[in-house]
Amino acid sequence: MPSFHTPLSAGELDRRVQFQVVTTNDDGYAEVETWSDVGSPRWAKRQDVSDSEKYHAQANISELRTRFTVRSDSLTRGVTTRDRLISEGETFHIVGIKEIGRRDWLEITASARSDQ
């Protein structure tokens, strides 16, 4: 049965994203988070949806909210909001995942912060 969502064209998948998972280890003094790549980079469509700047404790913090659309496969279906992705040198923490079509695509909403 065909999906109701129009598939993206190959030209729209113009960004590479690398998914990362976190492991937590106790080094004897504290819990230390280590991020590592999972799988190979995937092609994605990137759409920046909002940006904002906040002042907190005399620090300027800017945040960029972005939606990435990727093909649904065994790796991308395993991604959770505990994971993150890297795109063009920016680190994005995943805040939401939505299925598009019938296991065709995933829309991943993610947030990147820049503390200046």
C-alpha atoms as a PDB file:
ATOM      1  CA  MET A   1       0.000   0.000   0.000  1.00  0.00           C
ATOM      2  CA  PRO A   2       1.530   3.359  -0.971  1.00  0.00           C
ATOM      3  CA  SER A   3       2.367   6.031   1.555  1.00  0.00           C
ATOM      4  CA  PHE A   4       0.281   9.216   1.621  1.00  0.00           C
ATOM      5  CA  HIS A   5       3.426  11.277   2.105  1.00  0.00           C
ATOM      6  CA  THR A   6       5.152  12.415  -1.062  1.00  0.00           C
ATOM      7  CA  PRO A   7       8.700  11.061  -0.960  1.00  0.00           C
ATOM      8  CA  LEU A   8      11.532  13.541  -0.890  1.00  0.00           C
ATOM      9  CA  SER A   9      13.646  13.883  -3.986  1.00  0.00           C
ATOM     10  CA  ALA A  10      17.282  12.872  -3.819  1.00  0.00           C
ATOM     11  CA  GLY A  11      18.235  16.551  -4.233  1.00  0.00           C
ATOM     12  CA  GLU A  12      16.451  17.486  -1.003  1.00  0.00           C
ATOM     13  CA  LEU A  13      18.577  15.052   1.002  1.00  0.00           C
ATOM     14  CA  ASP A  14      21.589  17.345   0.778  1.00  0.00           C
ATOM     15  CA  ARG A  15      23.094  17.157   4.286  1.00  0.00           C
ATOM     16  CA  ARG A  16      25.063  14.420   6.029  1.00  0.00           C
ATOM     17  CA  VAL A  17      24.210  13.680   9.656  1.00  0.00           C
ATOM     18  CA  GLN A  18      26.043  11.425  12.077  1.00  0.00           C
ATOM     19  CA  PHE A  19      24.069   9.979  14.971  1.00  0.00           C
ATOM     20  CA  GLN A  20      25.761   9.582  18.352  1.00  0.00           C
ATOM     21  CA  VAL A  21      24.855   7.700  21.529  1.00  0.00           C
ATOM     22  CA  VAL A  22      26.014   8.428  25.050  1.00  0.00           C
ATOM     23  CA  THR A  23      27.532   6.039  27.562  1.00  0.00           C
ATOM     24  CA  THR A  24      28.064   6.972  31.186  1.00  0.00           C
ATOM     25  CA  ASN A  25      31.085   5.702  33.108  1.00  0.00           C
ATOM     26  CA  ASP A  26      32.189   6.237  36.676  1.00  0.00           C
ATOM     27  CA  ASP A  27      35.830   7.347  36.688  1.00  0.00           C
ATOM     28  CA  GLY A  28      36.072   7.033  40.463  1.00  0.00           C
ATOM     29  CA  TYR A  29      35.299  10.712  41.024  1.00  0.00           C
ATOM     30  CA  ALA A  30      32.204  11.408  38.959  1.00  0.00           C
ATOM     31  CA  GLU A  31      29.927  10.115  36.231  1.00  0.00           C
ATOM     32  CA  VAL A  32      31.534  10.907  32.872  1.00  0.00           C
ATOM     33  CA  GLU A  33      29.556  11.012  29.625  1.00  0.00           C
ATOM     34  CA  THR A  34      31.213   9.739  26.463  1.00  0.00           C
ATOM     35  CA  TRP A  35      29.597  10.228  23.051  1.00  0.00           C
ATOM     36  CA  SER A  36      30.337   7.835  20.208  1.00  0.00           C
ATOM     37  CA  ASP A  37      29.215   7.520  16.601  1.00  0.00           C
ATOM     38  CA  VAL A  38      26.625   4.889  15.781  1.00  0.00           C
ATOM     39  CA  GLY A  39      26.317   3.600  12.223  1.00  0.00           C
ATOM     40  CA  SER A  40      27.452   5.473   9.168  1.00  0.00           C
ATOM     41  CA  PRO A  41      26.397   9.033   8.295  1.00  0.00           C
ATOM     42  CA  ARG A  42      22.938   9.369   6.719  1.00  0.00           C
ATOM     43  CA  TRP A  43      21.636  11.777   4.086  1.00  0.00           C
ATOM     44  CA  ALA A  44      19.081  14.226   5.448  1.00  0.00           C
ATOM     45  CA  LYS A  45      16.989  17.248   4.599  1.00  0.00           C
ATOM     46  CA  ARG A  46      17.589  20.137   6.992  1.00  0.00           C
ATOM     47  CA  GLN A  47      15.034  22.814   7.800  1.00  0.00           C
ATOM     48  CA  ASP A  48      15.826  25.419  10.457  1.00  0.00           C
ATOM     49  CA  VAL A  49      12.539  26.258  12.179  1.00  0.00           C
ATOM     50  CA  SER A  50      13.406  28.764  14.907  1.00  0.00           C
ATOM     51  CA  ASP A  51      16.202  30.506  16.693  1.00  0.00           C
ATOM     52  CA  SER A  52      16.353  32.448  19.897  1.00  0.00           C
ATOM     53  CA  GLU A  53      18.745  34.227  22.188  1.00  0.00           C
ATOM     54  CA  LYS A  54      18.552  34.291  25.961  1.00  0.00           C
ATOM     55  CA  TYR A  55      20.562  35.975  28.645  1.00  0.00           C
ATOM     56  CA  HIS A  56      21.165  33.780  31.666  1.00  0.00           C
ATOM     57  CA  ALA A  57      23.661  34.507  34.422  1.00  0.00           C
ATOM     58  CA  GLN A  58      25.333  37.151  32.250  1.00  0.00           C
ATOM     59  CA  ALA A  59      25.869  34.674  29.412  1.00  0.00           C
ATOM     60  CA  ASN A  60      24.440  35.059  25.933  1.00  0.00           C
ATOM     61  CA  ILE A  61      22.958  31.702  24.905  1.00  0.00           C
ATOM     62  CA  SER A  62      21.598  31.219  21.409  1.00  0.00           C
ATOM     63  CA  GLU A  63      19.539  28.207  20.412  1.00  0.00           C
ATOM     64  CA  LEU A  64      18.662  26.893  16.963  1.00  0.00           C
ATOM     65  CA  ARG A  65      15.740  24.496  16.503  1.00  0.00           C
ATOM     66  CA  THR A  66      16.035  22.367  13.347  1.00  0.00           C
ATOM     67  CA  ARG A  67      14.087  19.551  11.690  1.00  0.00           C
ATOM     68  CA  PHE A  68      16.004  16.820   9.917  1.00  0.00           C
ATOM     69  CA  THR A  69      14.172  14.370   7.656  1.00  0.00           C
ATOM     70  CA  VAL A  70      15.907  11.033   7.113  1.00  0.00           C
ATOM     71  CA  ARG A  71      14.952   7.736   5.550  1.00  0.00           C
ATOM     72  CA  SER A  72      13.527   5.286   8.041  1.00  0.00           C
ATOM     73  CA  ASP A  73      15.841   2.291   8.450  1.00  0.00           C
ATOM     74  CA  SER A  74      16.944  -0.008  11.263  1.00  0.00           C
ATOM     75  CA  LEU A  75      19.469   2.541  12.571  1.00  0.00           C
ATOM     76  CA  THR A  76      17.283   5.650  12.394  1.00  0.00           C
ATOM     77  CA  ARG A  77      14.282   3.846  13.931  1.00  0.00           C
ATOM     78  CA  GLY A  78      16.497   3.126  16.966  1.00  0.00           C
ATOM     79  CA  VAL A  79      17.323   6.801  17.575  1.00  0.00           C
ATOM     80  CA  THR A  80      15.842   8.278  20.773  1.00  0.00           C
ATOM     81  CA  THR A  81      15.746  11.639  22.527  1.00  0.00           C
ATOM     82  CA  ARG A  82      18.750  10.521  24.594  1.00  0.00           C
ATOM     83  CA  ASP A  83      20.863  10.642  21.419  1.00  0.00           C
ATOM     84  CA  ARG A  84      22.271  13.497  19.399  1.00  0.00           C
ATOM     85  CA  LEU A  85      23.419  14.162  15.864  1.00  0.00           C
ATOM     86  CA  ILE A  86      26.222  16.082  14.237  1.00  0.00           C
ATOM     87  CA  SER A  87      25.595  18.112  11.078  1.00  0.00           C
ATOM     88  CA  GLU A  88      28.218  20.311   9.448  1.00  0.00           C
ATOM     89  CA  GLY A  89      30.214  20.517  12.666  1.00  0.00           C
ATOM     90  CA  GLU A  90      27.219  21.503  14.835  1.00  0.00           C
ATOM     91  CA  THR A  91      25.971  19.296  17.646  1.00  0.00           C
ATOM     92  CA  PHE A  92      22.188  18.902  17.867  1.00  0.00           C
ATOM     93  CA  HIS A  93      20.413  17.275  20.812  1.00  0.00           C
ATOM     94  CA  ILE A  94      17.332  15.377  19.693  1.00  0.00           C
ATOM     95  CA  VAL A  95      14.118  16.641  21.268  1.00  0.00           C
ATOM     96  CA  GLY A  96      11.472  14.840  19.182  1.00  0.00           C
ATOM     97  CA  ILE A  97      11.009  12.131  16.552  1.00  0.00           C
ATOM     98  CA  LYS A  98       7.990  11.732  14.301  1.00  0.00           C
ATOM     99  CA  GLU A  99       7.284   9.021  11.745  1.00  0.00           C
ATOM    100  CA  ILE A 100       6.234  10.252   8.299  1.00  0.00           C
ATOM    101  CA  GLY A 101       4.477   7.809   6.030  1.00  0.00           C
ATOM    102  CA  ARG A 102       4.457   4.152   6.816  1.00  0.00           C
ATOM    103  CA  ARG A 103       8.051   3.531   7.930  1.00  0.00           C
ATOM    104  CA  ASP A 104       9.243   5.667   5.025  1.00  0.00           C
ATOM    105  CA  TRP A 105      10.736   8.739   6.714  1.00  0.00           C
ATOM    106  CA  LEU A 106      11.504  10.125  10.164  1.00  0.00           C
ATOM    107  CA  GLU A 107      11.349  13.796  11.075  1.00  0.00           C
ATOM    108  CA  ILE A 108      13.814  14.536  13.853  1.00  0.00           C
ATOM    109  CA  THR A 109      13.493  17.815  15.730  1.00  0.00           C
ATOM    110  CA  ALA A 110      16.772  18.820  17.332  1.00  0.00           C
ATOM    111  CA  SER A 111      18.259  21.766  19.158  1.00  0.00           C
ATOM    112  CA  ALA A 112      21.752  23.251  18.937  1.00  0.00           C
ATOM    113  CA  ARG A 113      23.047  25.681  21.541  1.00  0.00           C
ATOM    114  CA  SER A 114      25.878  28.099  21.351  1.00  0.00           C
ATOM    115  CA  ASP A 115      27.032  29.613  24.632  1.00  0.00           C
ATOM    116  CA  GLN A 116      28.864  32.837  23.908  1.00  0.00           C
END
